[in-house]
């Protein structure tokens, strides 16, 4: 009976880790879609 609960706990931990990995991948994907800001210093140096 204890083995059943231990395996259940292991399954829950694995599921939580999987959800964290998916959330991290989604955050990376969102960050890649975000436009990159051009710094004002770079724009000033081009005029010179």
Protein backbone atom coordinates (compact mmCIF):
# COMPACT_ATOMS: atom_id res chain seq x y z
CA UNK A 1 0.00 0.00 0.00
CA UNK A 2 2.88 2.36 0.80
CA UNK A 3 4.39 1.66 -2.63
CA UNK A 4 1.14 2.80 -4.25
CA UNK A 5 1.24 6.14 -2.44
CA UNK A 6 4.94 6.57 -3.21
CA UNK A 7 4.35 5.96 -6.90
CA UNK A 8 1.41 8.35 -6.82
CA UNK A 9 3.62 11.03 -5.26
CA UNK A 10 6.30 10.40 -7.88
CA UNK A 11 3.73 10.75 -10.64
CA UNK A 12 2.54 14.03 -9.16
CA UNK A 13 6.09 15.37 -8.95
CA UNK A 14 6.76 14.36 -12.55
CA UNK A 15 3.57 16.08 -13.67
CA UNK A 16 4.50 19.27 -11.85
CA UNK A 17 7.96 19.24 -13.46
CA UNK A 18 6.41 18.76 -16.89
CA UNK A 19 4.04 21.68 -16.35
CA UNK A 20 6.98 23.87 -15.28
CA UNK A 21 8.94 22.92 -18.41
CA UNK A 22 5.97 23.75 -20.63
CA UNK A 23 5.49 27.09 -18.92
CA UNK A 24 9.18 27.93 -19.39
CA UNK A 25 9.03 27.02 -23.08
CA UNK A 26 5.94 29.17 -23.53
CA UNK A 27 7.62 32.13 -21.81
CA UNK A 28 10.65 31.78 -24.11
CA UNK A 29 8.39 31.70 -27.14
CA UNK A 30 6.56 34.83 -25.96
CA UNK A 31 9.86 36.62 -25.36
CA UNK A 32 11.01 35.75 -28.89
CA UNK A 33 7.88 37.33 -30.36
CA UNK A 34 8.37 40.58 -28.43
CA UNK A 35 9.85 43.40 -30.55
CA UNK A 36 13.37 44.46 -29.62
CA UNK A 37 13.77 48.09 -28.59
CA UNK A 38 16.46 50.18 -30.24
CA UNK A 39 18.43 52.22 -27.72
CA UNK A 40 18.53 56.01 -28.20
CA UNK A 41 22.34 55.96 -28.02
CA UNK A 42 22.50 53.77 -31.12
CA UNK A 43 20.26 56.12 -33.07
CA UNK A 44 22.36 59.19 -32.13
CA UNK A 45 25.62 57.57 -33.23
CA UNK A 46 24.24 56.90 -36.70
CA UNK A 47 23.55 60.59 -37.36
CA UNK A 48 27.08 61.71 -36.50
